[in-house]
Amino acid sequence: MPRGKLLDTATLRAALKGLEFQRQRIEGQIGEVQRLLAPRRRPAAVPATAKPKRTISAAGRRRIAAAQRKRWAEFKAKQAVQAPKGRPKPRKPGKQRPKSEAGQG
C-alpha cells in the first residue's frame, strides 16, 4: 500500500475481499495437506450395519456330508479301476538290483 496517499473506502474494501479470498484458498490447501498427512484410519472390523453371520442347520450339514461322501466314493472307485491289478513279483534272492534302483545312477 502506498504511503502518504489517502485511499478511499472502495479500494480498501476491494483489497479486503481479495485478501479474504486468498486466505480461503490457502486455508483449503492447508486442510488438504493436513488430510494427506493425517494417519490413515482403518475401518471398523464389523460395521454396525453388517449382517449377522450365517449359520447352517444340522440337516444342511448332513446333506453336505452325504454329498461329500458320495464324491469320495466315486473318486476312490475311479482310482481302483485305473490302478494296476496285483502286486509286483518279488525278486529272486540272488539277483542284483538294476543300478537305477540302487541309487548309484
PDB file of N, CA and C in Angstrom:
ATOM      1  N   MET A   1       0.850  -1.182   0.000  1.00  0.00           N
ATOM      2  CA  MET A   1       0.000   0.000   0.000  1.00  0.00           C
ATOM      3  C   MET A   1       0.893   1.241   0.000  1.00  0.00           C
ATOM      4  N   PRO A   2       0.532   2.207  -0.849  1.00  0.00           N
ATOM      5  CA  PRO A   2       1.361   3.413  -0.926  1.00  0.00           C
ATOM      6  C   PRO A   2       1.230   4.261   0.335  1.00  0.00           C
ATOM      7  N   ARG A   3       2.347   4.872   0.698  1.00  0.00           N
ATOM      8  CA  ARG A   3       2.334   5.711   1.888  1.00  0.00           C
ATOM      9  C   ARG A   3       2.053   7.159   1.502  1.00  0.00           C
ATOM     10  N   GLY A   4       1.426   7.793   2.415  1.00  0.00           N
ATOM     11  CA  GLY A   4       1.202   9.220   2.225  1.00  0.00           C
ATOM     12  C   GLY A   4      -0.023   9.558   1.416  1.00  0.00           C
ATOM     13  N   LYS A   5      -0.601   8.611   0.701  1.00  0.00           N
ATOM     14  CA  LYS A   5      -1.787   8.911  -0.081  1.00  0.00           C
ATOM     15  C   LYS A   5      -2.991   8.392   0.670  1.00  0.00           C
ATOM     16  N   LEU A   6      -4.083   9.081   0.540  1.00  0.00           N
ATOM     17  CA  LEU A   6      -5.329   8.649   1.143  1.00  0.00           C
ATOM     18  C   LEU A   6      -5.998   7.650   0.209  1.00  0.00           C
ATOM     19  N   LEU A   7      -6.411   6.522   0.792  1.00  0.00           N
ATOM     20  CA  LEU A   7      -7.105   5.521  -0.006  1.00  0.00           C
ATOM     21  C   LEU A   7      -8.580   5.631   0.299  1.00  0.00           C
ATOM     22  N   ASP A   8      -9.360   5.556  -0.724  1.00  0.00           N
ATOM     23  CA  ASP A   8     -10.796   5.652  -0.499  1.00  0.00           C
ATOM     24  C   ASP A   8     -11.318   4.313   0.024  1.00  0.00           C
ATOM     25  N   THR A   9     -12.499   4.291   0.548  1.00  0.00           N
ATOM     26  CA  THR A   9     -13.115   3.123   1.167  1.00  0.00           C
ATOM     27  C   THR A   9     -13.347   2.011   0.154  1.00  0.00           C
ATOM     28  N   ALA A  10     -13.722   2.323  -1.055  1.00  0.00           N
ATOM     29  CA  ALA A  10     -13.998   1.306  -2.062  1.00  0.00           C
ATOM     30  C   ALA A  10     -12.740   0.502  -2.383  1.00  0.00           C
ATOM     31  N   THR A  11     -11.601   1.177  -2.460  1.00  0.00           N
ATOM     32  CA  THR A  11     -10.346   0.489  -2.746  1.00  0.00           C
ATOM     33  C   THR A  11      -9.979  -0.434  -1.594  1.00  0.00           C
ATOM     34  N   LEU A  12     -10.147   0.052  -0.370  1.00  0.00           N
ATOM     35  CA  LEU A  12      -9.833  -0.778   0.799  1.00  0.00           C
ATOM     36  C   LEU A  12     -10.748  -1.997   0.880  1.00  0.00           C
ATOM     37  N   ARG A  13     -12.019  -1.819   0.575  1.00  0.00           N
ATOM     38  CA  ARG A  13     -12.954  -2.951   0.601  1.00  0.00           C
ATOM     39  C   ARG A  13     -12.588  -3.983  -0.469  1.00  0.00           C
ATOM     40  N   ALA A  14     -12.215  -3.534  -1.651  1.00  0.00           N
ATOM     41  CA  ALA A  14     -11.811  -4.441  -2.708  1.00  0.00           C
ATOM     42  C   ALA A  14     -10.549  -5.209  -2.305  1.00  0.00           C
ATOM     43  N   ALA A  15      -9.607  -4.512  -1.682  1.00  0.00           N
ATOM     44  CA  ALA A  15      -8.379  -5.167  -1.222  1.00  0.00           C
ATOM     45  C   ALA A  15      -8.706  -6.208  -0.154  1.00  0.00           C
ATOM     46  N   LEU A  16      -9.630  -5.857   0.749  1.00  0.00           N
ATOM     47  CA  LEU A  16     -10.021  -6.786   1.813  1.00  0.00           C
ATOM     48  C   LEU A  16     -10.673  -8.026   1.225  1.00  0.00           C
ATOM     49  N   LYS A  17     -11.541  -7.868   0.240  1.00  0.00           N
ATOM     50  CA  LYS A  17     -12.173  -9.020  -0.400  1.00  0.00           C
ATOM     51  C   LYS A  17     -11.126  -9.914  -1.068  1.00  0.00           C
ATOM     52  N   GLY A  18     -10.178  -9.312  -1.764  1.00  0.00           N
ATOM     53  CA  GLY A  18      -9.123 -10.078  -2.423  1.00  0.00           C
ATOM     54  C   GLY A  18      -8.295 -10.871  -1.424  1.00  0.00           C
ATOM     55  N   LEU A  19      -7.952 -10.232  -0.306  1.00  0.00           N
ATOM     56  CA  LEU A  19      -7.163 -10.910   0.718  1.00  0.00           C
ATOM     57  C   LEU A  19      -7.954 -12.044   1.378  1.00  0.00           C
ATOM     58  N   GLU A  20      -9.243 -11.810   1.633  1.00  0.00           N
ATOM     59  CA  GLU A  20     -10.071 -12.865   2.225  1.00  0.00           C
ATOM     60  C   GLU A  20     -10.193 -14.064   1.280  1.00  0.00           C
ATOM     61  N   PHE A  21     -10.307 -13.764  -0.022  1.00  0.00           N
ATOM     62  CA  PHE A  21     -10.383 -14.844  -0.999  1.00  0.00           C
ATOM     63  C   PHE A  21      -9.087 -15.662  -0.987  1.00  0.00           C
ATOM     64  N   GLN A  22      -7.957 -14.984  -0.947  1.00  0.00           N
ATOM     65  CA  GLN A  22      -6.667 -15.673  -0.899  1.00  0.00           C
ATOM     66  C   GLN A  22      -6.544 -16.502   0.386  1.00  0.00           C
ATOM     67  N   ARG A  23      -7.037 -15.953   1.507  1.00  0.00           N
ATOM     68  CA  ARG A  23      -6.972 -16.687   2.777  1.00  0.00           C
ATOM     69  C   ARG A  23      -7.794 -17.963   2.699  1.00  0.00           C
ATOM     70  N   GLN A  24      -9.007 -17.886   2.105  1.00  0.00           N
ATOM     71  CA  GLN A  24      -9.840 -19.083   1.972  1.00  0.00           C
ATOM     72  C   GLN A  24      -9.153 -20.137   1.104  1.00  0.00           C
ATOM     73  N   ARG A  25      -8.534 -19.688   0.024  1.00  0.00           N
ATOM     74  CA  ARG A  25      -7.839 -20.615  -0.862  1.00  0.00           C
ATOM     75  C   ARG A  25      -6.672 -21.272  -0.125  1.00  0.00           C
ATOM     76  N   ILE A  26      -5.910 -20.478   0.605  1.00  0.00           N
ATOM     77  CA  ILE A  26      -4.759 -21.014   1.339  1.00  0.00           C
ATOM     78  C   ILE A  26      -5.214 -21.958   2.447  1.00  0.00           C
ATOM     79  N   GLU A  27      -6.282 -21.624   3.152  1.00  0.00           N
ATOM     80  CA  GLU A  27      -6.801 -22.498   4.205  1.00  0.00           C
ATOM     81  C   GLU A  27      -7.287 -23.829   3.622  1.00  0.00           C
ATOM     82  N   GLY A  28      -7.879 -23.768   2.434  1.00  0.00           N
ATOM     83  CA  GLY A  28      -8.283 -25.006   1.768  1.00  0.00           C
ATOM     84  C   GLY A  28      -7.084 -25.877   1.427  1.00  0.00           C
ATOM     85  N   GLN A  29      -6.016 -25.249   0.944  1.00  0.00           N
ATOM     86  CA  GLN A  29      -4.801 -26.000   0.622  1.00  0.00           C
ATOM     87  C   GLN A  29      -4.154 -26.572   1.884  1.00  0.00           C
ATOM     88  N   ILE A  30      -4.157 -25.813   2.969  1.00  0.00           N
ATOM     89  CA  ILE A  30      -3.612 -26.303   4.241  1.00  0.00           C
ATOM     90  C   ILE A  30      -4.409 -27.507   4.718  1.00  0.00           C
ATOM     91  N   GLY A  31      -5.726 -27.425   4.614  1.00  0.00           N
ATOM     92  CA  GLY A  31      -6.568 -28.552   5.021  1.00  0.00           C
ATOM     93  C   GLY A  31      -6.288 -29.798   4.196  1.00  0.00           C
ATOM     94  N   GLU A  32      -6.063 -29.620   2.903  1.00  0.00           N
ATOM     95  CA  GLU A  32      -5.752 -30.761   2.032  1.00  0.00           C
ATOM     96  C   GLU A  32      -4.432 -31.408   2.440  1.00  0.00           C
ATOM     97  N   VAL A  33      -3.428 -30.591   2.726  1.00  0.00           N
ATOM     98  CA  VAL A  33      -2.129 -31.133   3.153  1.00  0.00           C
ATOM     99  C   VAL A  33      -2.266 -31.834   4.502  1.00  0.00           C
ATOM    100  N   GLN A  34      -3.018 -31.260   5.418  1.00  0.00           N
ATOM    101  CA  GLN A  34      -3.235 -31.907   6.717  1.00  0.00           C
ATOM    102  C   GLN A  34      -3.955 -33.243   6.547  1.00  0.00           C
ATOM    103  N   ARG A  35      -4.908 -33.299   5.624  1.00  0.00           N
ATOM    104  CA  ARG A  35      -5.626 -34.551   5.383  1.00  0.00           C
ATOM    105  C   ARG A  35      -4.674 -35.611   4.856  1.00  0.00           C
ATOM    106  N   LEU A  36      -3.746 -35.210   3.979  1.00  0.00           N
ATOM    107  CA  LEU A  36      -2.781 -36.167   3.434  1.00  0.00           C
ATOM    108  C   LEU A  36      -1.779 -36.627   4.486  1.00  0.00           C
ATOM    109  N   LEU A  37      -1.465 -35.762   5.447  1.00  0.00           N
ATOM    110  CA  LEU A  37      -0.507 -36.118   6.491  1.00  0.00           C
ATOM    111  C   LEU A  37      -1.131 -36.903   7.637  1.00  0.00           C
ATOM    112  N   ALA A  38      -2.439 -36.837   7.775  1.00  0.00           N
ATOM    113  CA  ALA A  38      -3.106 -37.499   8.900  1.00  0.00           C
ATOM    114  C   ALA A  38      -2.941 -39.011   8.789  1.00  0.00           C
ATOM    115  N   PRO A  39      -2.791 -39.707   9.926  1.00  0.00           N
ATOM    116  CA  PRO A  39      -2.681 -41.168   9.860  1.00  0.00           C
ATOM    117  C   PRO A  39      -3.967 -41.760   9.320  1.00  0.00           C
ATOM    118  N   ARG A  40      -3.787 -42.794   8.518  1.00  0.00           N
ATOM    119  CA  ARG A  40      -4.958 -43.428   7.912  1.00  0.00           C
ATOM    120  C   ARG A  40      -5.663 -44.267   8.955  1.00  0.00           C
ATOM    121  N   ARG A  41      -6.943 -44.114   9.010  1.00  0.00           N
ATOM    122  CA  ARG A  41      -7.750 -44.889   9.950  1.00  0.00           C
ATOM    123  C   ARG A  41      -8.272 -46.125   9.252  1.00  0.00           C
ATOM    124  N   ARG A  42      -8.221 -47.243   9.950  1.00  0.00           N
ATOM    125  CA  ARG A  42      -8.792 -48.468   9.409  1.00  0.00           C
ATOM    126  C   ARG A  42     -10.282 -48.465   9.673  1.00  0.00           C
ATOM    127  N   PRO A  43     -11.043 -49.006   8.755  1.00  0.00           N
ATOM    128  CA  PRO A  43     -12.474 -49.101   9.029  1.00  0.00           C
ATOM    129  C   PRO A  43     -12.713 -50.070  10.184  1.00  0.00           C
ATOM    130  N   ALA A  44     -13.808 -49.899  10.848  1.00  0.00           N
ATOM    131  CA  ALA A  44     -14.142 -50.771  11.970  1.00  0.00           C
ATOM    132  C   ALA A  44     -14.191 -52.216  11.484  1.00  0.00           C
ATOM    133  N   ALA A  45     -13.824 -53.147  12.359  1.00  0.00           N
ATOM    134  CA  ALA A  45     -13.770 -54.556  11.988  1.00  0.00           C
ATOM    135  C   ALA A  45     -15.131 -55.039  11.491  1.00  0.00           C
ATOM    136  N   VAL A  46     -16.172 -54.705  12.216  1.00  0.00           N
ATOM    137  CA  VAL A  46     -17.517 -55.093  11.808  1.00  0.00           C
ATOM    138  C   VAL A  46     -18.385 -53.839  11.865  1.00  0.00           C
ATOM    139  N   PRO A  47     -18.775 -53.323  10.706  1.00  0.00           N
ATOM    140  CA  PRO A  47     -19.618 -52.129  10.735  1.00  0.00           C
ATOM    141  C   PRO A  47     -20.962 -52.420  11.410  1.00  0.00           C
ATOM    142  N   ALA A  48     -21.557 -51.393  11.924  1.00  0.00           N
ATOM    143  CA  ALA A  48     -22.806 -51.540  12.661  1.00  0.00           C
ATOM    144  C   ALA A  48     -23.925 -52.086  11.774  1.00  0.00           C
ATOM    145  N   THR A  49     -23.825 -51.858  10.478  1.00  0.00           N
ATOM    146  CA  THR A  49     -24.884 -52.301   9.571  1.00  0.00           C
ATOM    147  C   THR A  49     -24.607 -53.681   8.969  1.00  0.00           C
ATOM    148  N   ALA A  50     -23.564 -54.363   9.459  1.00  0.00           N
ATOM    149  CA  ALA A  50     -23.213 -55.673   8.895  1.00  0.00           C
ATOM    150  C   ALA A  50     -24.280 -56.707   9.228  1.00  0.00           C
ATOM    151  N   LYS A  51     -24.453 -57.644   8.306  1.00  0.00           N
ATOM    152  CA  LYS A  51     -25.420 -58.710   8.523  1.00  0.00           C
ATOM    153  C   LYS A  51     -24.836 -59.706   9.513  1.00  0.00           C
ATOM    154  N   PRO A  52     -25.659 -60.353  10.305  1.00  0.00           N
ATOM    155  CA  PRO A  52     -25.133 -61.350  11.237  1.00  0.00           C
ATOM    156  C   PRO A  52     -24.575 -62.549  10.475  1.00  0.00           C
ATOM    157  N   LYS A  53     -23.650 -63.251  11.114  1.00  0.00           N
ATOM    158  CA  LYS A  53     -23.023 -64.405  10.483  1.00  0.00           C
ATOM    159  C   LYS A  53     -24.062 -65.480  10.224  1.00  0.00           C
ATOM    160  N   ARG A  54     -24.002 -66.054   9.021  1.00  0.00           N
ATOM    161  CA  ARG A  54     -24.976 -67.073   8.643  1.00  0.00           C
ATOM    162  C   ARG A  54     -24.569 -68.400   9.276  1.00  0.00           C
ATOM    163  N   THR A  55     -25.550 -69.139   9.732  1.00  0.00           N
ATOM    164  CA  THR A  55     -25.296 -70.467  10.269  1.00  0.00           C
ATOM    165  C   THR A  55     -26.045 -71.479   9.418  1.00  0.00           C
ATOM    166  N   ILE A  56     -25.625 -72.731   9.532  1.00  0.00           N
ATOM    167  CA  ILE A  56     -26.249 -73.777   8.732  1.00  0.00           C
ATOM    168  C   ILE A  56     -26.917 -74.760   9.688  1.00  0.00           C
ATOM    169  N   SER A  57     -28.045 -75.269   9.280  1.00  0.00           N
ATOM    170  CA  SER A  57     -28.790 -76.193  10.135  1.00  0.00           C
ATOM    171  C   SER A  57     -28.109 -77.555  10.148  1.00  0.00           C
ATOM    172  N   ALA A  58     -28.493 -78.383  11.110  1.00  0.00           N
ATOM    173  CA  ALA A  58     -27.944 -79.734  11.210  1.00  0.00           C
ATOM    174  C   ALA A  58     -28.316 -80.549   9.970  1.00  0.00           C
ATOM    175  N   ALA A  59     -29.533 -80.372   9.481  1.00  0.00           N
ATOM    176  CA  ALA A  59     -29.957 -81.092   8.281  1.00  0.00           C
ATOM    177  C   ALA A  59     -29.109 -80.675   7.081  1.00  0.00           C
ATOM    178  N   GLY A  60     -28.795 -79.403   6.982  1.00  0.00           N
ATOM    179  CA  GLY A  60     -27.951 -78.918   5.895  1.00  0.00           C
ATOM    180  C   GLY A  60     -26.553 -79.509   5.980  1.00  0.00           C
ATOM    181  N   ARG A  61     -25.999 -79.573   7.199  1.00  0.00           N
ATOM    182  CA  ARG A  61     -24.678 -80.181   7.365  1.00  0.00           C
ATOM    183  C   ARG A  61     -24.700 -81.650   6.969  1.00  0.00           C
ATOM    184  N   ARG A  62     -25.780 -82.354   7.307  1.00  0.00           N
ATOM    185  CA  ARG A  62     -25.892 -83.773   6.929  1.00  0.00           C
ATOM    186  C   ARG A  62     -25.923 -83.933   5.405  1.00  0.00           C
ATOM    187  N   ARG A  63     -26.668 -83.061   4.725  1.00  0.00           N
ATOM    188  CA  ARG A  63     -26.729 -83.140   3.257  1.00  0.00           C
ATOM    189  C   ARG A  63     -25.355 -82.885   2.639  1.00  0.00           C
ATOM    190  N   ILE A  64     -24.644 -81.905   3.166  1.00  0.00           N
ATOM    191  CA  ILE A  64     -23.308 -81.604   2.642  1.00  0.00           C
ATOM    192  C   ILE A  64     -22.377 -82.778   2.881  1.00  0.00           C
ATOM    193  N   ALA A  65     -22.424 -83.372   4.076  1.00  0.00           N
ATOM    194  CA  ALA A  65     -21.555 -84.515   4.393  1.00  0.00           C
ATOM    195  C   ALA A  65     -21.873 -85.704   3.493  1.00  0.00           C
ATOM    196  N   ALA A  66     -23.157 -85.965   3.250  1.00  0.00           N
ATOM    197  CA  ALA A  66     -23.540 -87.091   2.392  1.00  0.00           C
ATOM    198  C   ALA A  66     -23.046 -86.870   0.965  1.00  0.00           C
ATOM    199  N   ALA A  67     -23.166 -85.654   0.485  1.00  0.00           N
ATOM    200  CA  ALA A  67     -22.702 -85.352  -0.869  1.00  0.00           C
ATOM    201  C   ALA A  67     -21.187 -85.526  -0.956  1.00  0.00           C
ATOM    202  N   GLN A  68     -20.466 -85.110   0.092  1.00  0.00           N
ATOM    203  CA  GLN A  68     -19.009 -85.260   0.083  1.00  0.00           C
ATOM    204  C   GLN A  68     -18.619 -86.739   0.122  1.00  0.00           C
ATOM    205  N   ARG A  69     -19.311 -87.541   0.932  1.00  0.00           N
ATOM    206  CA  ARG A  69     -19.032 -88.978   0.964  1.00  0.00           C
ATOM    207  C   ARG A  69     -19.274 -89.606  -0.398  1.00  0.00           C
ATOM    208  N   LYS A  70     -20.321 -89.183  -1.087  1.00  0.00           N
ATOM    209  CA  LYS A  70     -20.634 -89.717  -2.417  1.00  0.00           C
ATOM    210  C   LYS A  70     -19.526 -89.360  -3.403  1.00  0.00           C
ATOM    211  N   ARG A  71     -19.055 -88.107  -3.348  1.00  0.00           N
ATOM    212  CA  ARG A  71     -17.970 -87.698  -4.247  1.00  0.00           C
ATOM    213  C   ARG A  71     -16.707 -88.520  -3.995  1.00  0.00           C
ATOM    214  N   TRP A  72     -16.376 -88.751  -2.718  1.00  0.00           N
ATOM    215  CA  TRP A  72     -15.184 -89.534  -2.395  1.00  0.00           C
ATOM    216  C   TRP A  72     -15.346 -90.986  -2.853  1.00  0.00           C
ATOM    217  N   ALA A  73     -16.520 -91.538  -2.684  1.00  0.00           N
ATOM    218  CA  ALA A  73     -16.736 -92.922  -3.115  1.00  0.00           C
ATOM    219  C   ALA A  73     -16.529 -93.033  -4.630  1.00  0.00           C
ATOM    220  N   GLU A  74     -17.044 -92.078  -5.387  1.00  0.00           N
ATOM    221  CA  GLU A  74     -16.865 -92.086  -6.835  1.00  0.00           C
ATOM    222  C   GLU A  74     -15.390 -91.934  -7.199  1.00  0.00           C
ATOM    223  N   PHE A  75     -14.705 -91.055  -6.495  1.00  0.00           N
ATOM    224  CA  PHE A  75     -13.286 -90.824  -6.768  1.00  0.00           C
ATOM    225  C   PHE A  75     -12.483 -92.099  -6.488  1.00  0.00           C
ATOM    226  N   LYS A  76     -12.724 -92.743  -5.340  1.00  0.00           N
ATOM    227  CA  LYS A  76     -11.985 -93.948  -4.977  1.00  0.00           C
ATOM    228  C   LYS A  76     -12.302 -95.103  -5.926  1.00  0.00           C
ATOM    229  N   ALA A  77     -13.544 -95.201  -6.381  1.00  0.00           N
ATOM    230  CA  ALA A  77     -13.903 -96.251  -7.330  1.00  0.00           C
ATOM    231  C   ALA A  77     -13.165 -96.032  -8.653  1.00  0.00           C
ATOM    232  N   LYS A  78     -13.055 -94.810  -9.080  1.00  0.00           N
ATOM    233  CA  LYS A  78     -12.354 -94.486 -10.313  1.00  0.00           C
ATOM    234  C   LYS A  78     -10.864 -94.810 -10.178  1.00  0.00           C
ATOM    235  N   GLN A  79     -10.287 -94.516  -9.010  1.00  0.00           N
ATOM    236  CA  GLN A  79      -8.880 -94.815  -8.774  1.00  0.00           C
ATOM    237  C   GLN A  79      -8.632 -96.321  -8.770  1.00  0.00           C
ATOM    238  N   ALA A  80      -9.562 -97.097  -8.208  1.00  0.00           N
ATOM    239  CA  ALA A  80      -9.408 -98.546  -8.147  1.00  0.00           C
ATOM    240  C   ALA A  80      -9.414 -99.139  -9.545  1.00  0.00           C
ATOM    241  N   VAL A  81     -10.218 -98.598 -10.453  1.00  0.00           N
ATOM    242  CA  VAL A  81     -10.285 -99.094 -11.823  1.00  0.00           C
ATOM    243  C   VAL A  81      -8.981 -98.794 -12.552  1.00  0.00           C
ATOM    244  N   GLN A  82      -8.397 -97.652 -12.306  1.00  0.00           N
ATOM    245  CA  GLN A  82      -7.188 -97.240 -13.004  1.00  0.00           C
ATOM    246  C   GLN A  82      -5.933 -97.891 -12.435  1.00  0.00           C
ATOM    247  N   ALA A  83      -5.953 -98.350 -11.199  1.00  0.00           N
ATOM    248  CA  ALA A  83      -4.774 -98.928 -10.561  1.00  0.00           C
ATOM    249  C   ALA A  83      -4.439-100.270 -11.193  1.00  0.00           C
ATOM    250  N   PRO A  84      -3.150-100.622 -11.299  1.00  0.00           N
ATOM    251  CA  PRO A  84      -2.772-101.920 -11.856  1.00  0.00           C
ATOM    252  C   PRO A  84      -3.189-103.039 -10.905  1.00  0.00           C
ATOM    253  N   LYS A  85      -3.541-104.163 -11.468  1.00  0.00           N
ATOM    254  CA  LYS A  85      -4.001-105.299 -10.673  1.00  0.00           C
ATOM    255  C   LYS A  85      -2.796-106.044 -10.098  1.00  0.00           C
ATOM    256  N   GLY A  86      -2.933-106.553  -8.911  1.00  0.00           N
ATOM    257  CA  GLY A  86      -1.917-107.402  -8.294  1.00  0.00           C
ATOM    258  C   GLY A  86      -0.703-106.636  -7.815  1.00  0.00           C
ATOM    259  N   ARG A  87       0.192-107.368  -7.165  1.00  0.00           N
ATOM    260  CA  ARG A  87       1.408-106.770  -6.652  1.00  0.00           C
ATOM    261  C   ARG A  87       2.580-107.116  -7.568  1.00  0.00           C
ATOM    262  N   PRO A  88       3.655-106.346  -7.485  1.00  0.00           N
ATOM    263  CA  PRO A  88       4.819-106.694  -8.289  1.00  0.00           C
ATOM    264  C   PRO A  88       5.434-107.995  -7.781  1.00  0.00           C
ATOM    265  N   LYS A  89       6.038-108.718  -8.666  1.00  0.00           N
ATOM    266  CA  LYS A  89       6.633-110.002  -8.306  1.00  0.00           C
ATOM    267  C   LYS A  89       7.868-109.765  -7.448  1.00  0.00           C
ATOM    268  N   PRO A  90       8.066-110.582  -6.422  1.00  0.00           N
ATOM    269  CA  PRO A  90       9.278-110.419  -5.595  1.00  0.00           C
ATOM    270  C   PRO A  90      10.510-110.857  -6.376  1.00  0.00           C
ATOM    271  N   ARG A  91      11.625-110.271  -6.042  1.00  0.00           N
ATOM    272  CA  ARG A  91      12.875-110.608  -6.715  1.00  0.00           C
ATOM    273  C   ARG A  91      13.404-111.936  -6.206  1.00  0.00           C
ATOM    274  N   LYS A  92      14.148-112.567  -7.020  1.00  0.00           N
ATOM    275  CA  LYS A  92      14.813-113.794  -6.609  1.00  0.00           C
ATOM    276  C   LYS A  92      15.969-113.412  -5.693  1.00  0.00           C
ATOM    277  N   PRO A  93      16.254-114.227  -4.692  1.00  0.00           N
ATOM    278  CA  PRO A  93      17.253-113.846  -3.685  1.00  0.00           C
ATOM    279  C   PRO A  93      18.631-113.537  -4.243  1.00  0.00           C
ATOM    280  N   GLY A  94      19.098-114.187  -5.248  1.00  0.00           N
ATOM    281  CA  GLY A  94      20.456-113.977  -5.715  1.00  0.00           C
ATOM    282  C   GLY A  94      20.585-112.919  -6.794  1.00  0.00           C
ATOM    283  N   LYS A  95      19.495-112.321  -7.236  1.00  0.00           N
ATOM    284  CA  LYS A  95      19.538-111.414  -8.374  1.00  0.00           C
ATOM    285  C   LYS A  95      19.901-109.997  -7.915  1.00  0.00           C
ATOM    286  N   GLN A  96      20.771-109.338  -8.696  1.00  0.00           N
ATOM    287  CA  GLN A  96      21.184-107.974  -8.390  1.00  0.00           C
ATOM    288  C   GLN A  96      20.104-106.971  -8.809  1.00  0.00           C
ATOM    289  N   ARG A  97      20.045-105.860  -8.088  1.00  0.00           N
ATOM    290  CA  ARG A  97      19.130-104.790  -8.467  1.00  0.00           C
ATOM    291  C   ARG A  97      19.724-103.997  -9.625  1.00  0.00           C
ATOM    292  N   PRO A  98      18.885-103.440 -10.491  1.00  0.00           N
ATOM    293  CA  PRO A  98      19.430-102.557 -11.525  1.00  0.00           C
ATOM    294  C   PRO A  98      20.050-101.327 -10.877  1.00  0.00           C
ATOM    295  N   LYS A  99      21.002-100.708 -11.551  1.00  0.00           N
ATOM    296  CA  LYS A  99      21.727 -99.565 -10.986  1.00  0.00           C
ATOM    297  C   LYS A  99      20.802 -98.400 -10.674  1.00  0.00           C
ATOM    298  N   SER A 100      19.771 -98.195 -11.470  1.00  0.00           N
ATOM    299  CA  SER A 100      18.866 -97.064 -11.237  1.00  0.00           C
ATOM    300  C   SER A 100      18.125 -97.203  -9.922  1.00  0.00           C
ATOM    301  N   GLU A 101      17.781 -98.407  -9.503  1.00  0.00           N
ATOM    302  CA  GLU A 101      17.078 -98.616  -8.238  1.00  0.00           C
ATOM    303  C   GLU A 101      18.022 -98.597  -7.061  1.00  0.00           C
ATOM    304  N   ALA A 102      19.283 -98.908  -7.282  1.00  0.00           N
ATOM    305  CA  ALA A 102      20.228 -99.000  -6.194  1.00  0.00           C
ATOM    306  C   ALA A 102      20.684 -97.618  -5.733  1.00  0.00           C
ATOM    307  N   GLY A 103      20.354 -96.581  -6.461  1.00  0.00           N
ATOM    308  CA  GLY A 103      20.722 -95.234  -6.067  1.00  0.00           C
ATOM    309  C   GLY A 103      22.114 -94.832  -6.543  1.00  0.00           C
ATOM    310  N   GLN A 104      22.739 -95.595  -7.458  1.00  0.00           N
ATOM    311  CA  GLN A 104      24.067 -95.306  -7.944  1.00  0.00           C
ATOM    312  C   GLN A 104      24.046 -94.541  -9.247  1.00  0.00           C
ATOM    313  N   GLY A 105      22.896 -94.247  -9.772  1.00  0.00           N
ATOM    314  CA  GLY A 105      22.918 -93.683 -11.104  1.00  0.00           C
ATOM    315  C   GLY A 105      22.103 -92.528 -11.239  1.00  0.00           C
TER     316      GLY A 105
END
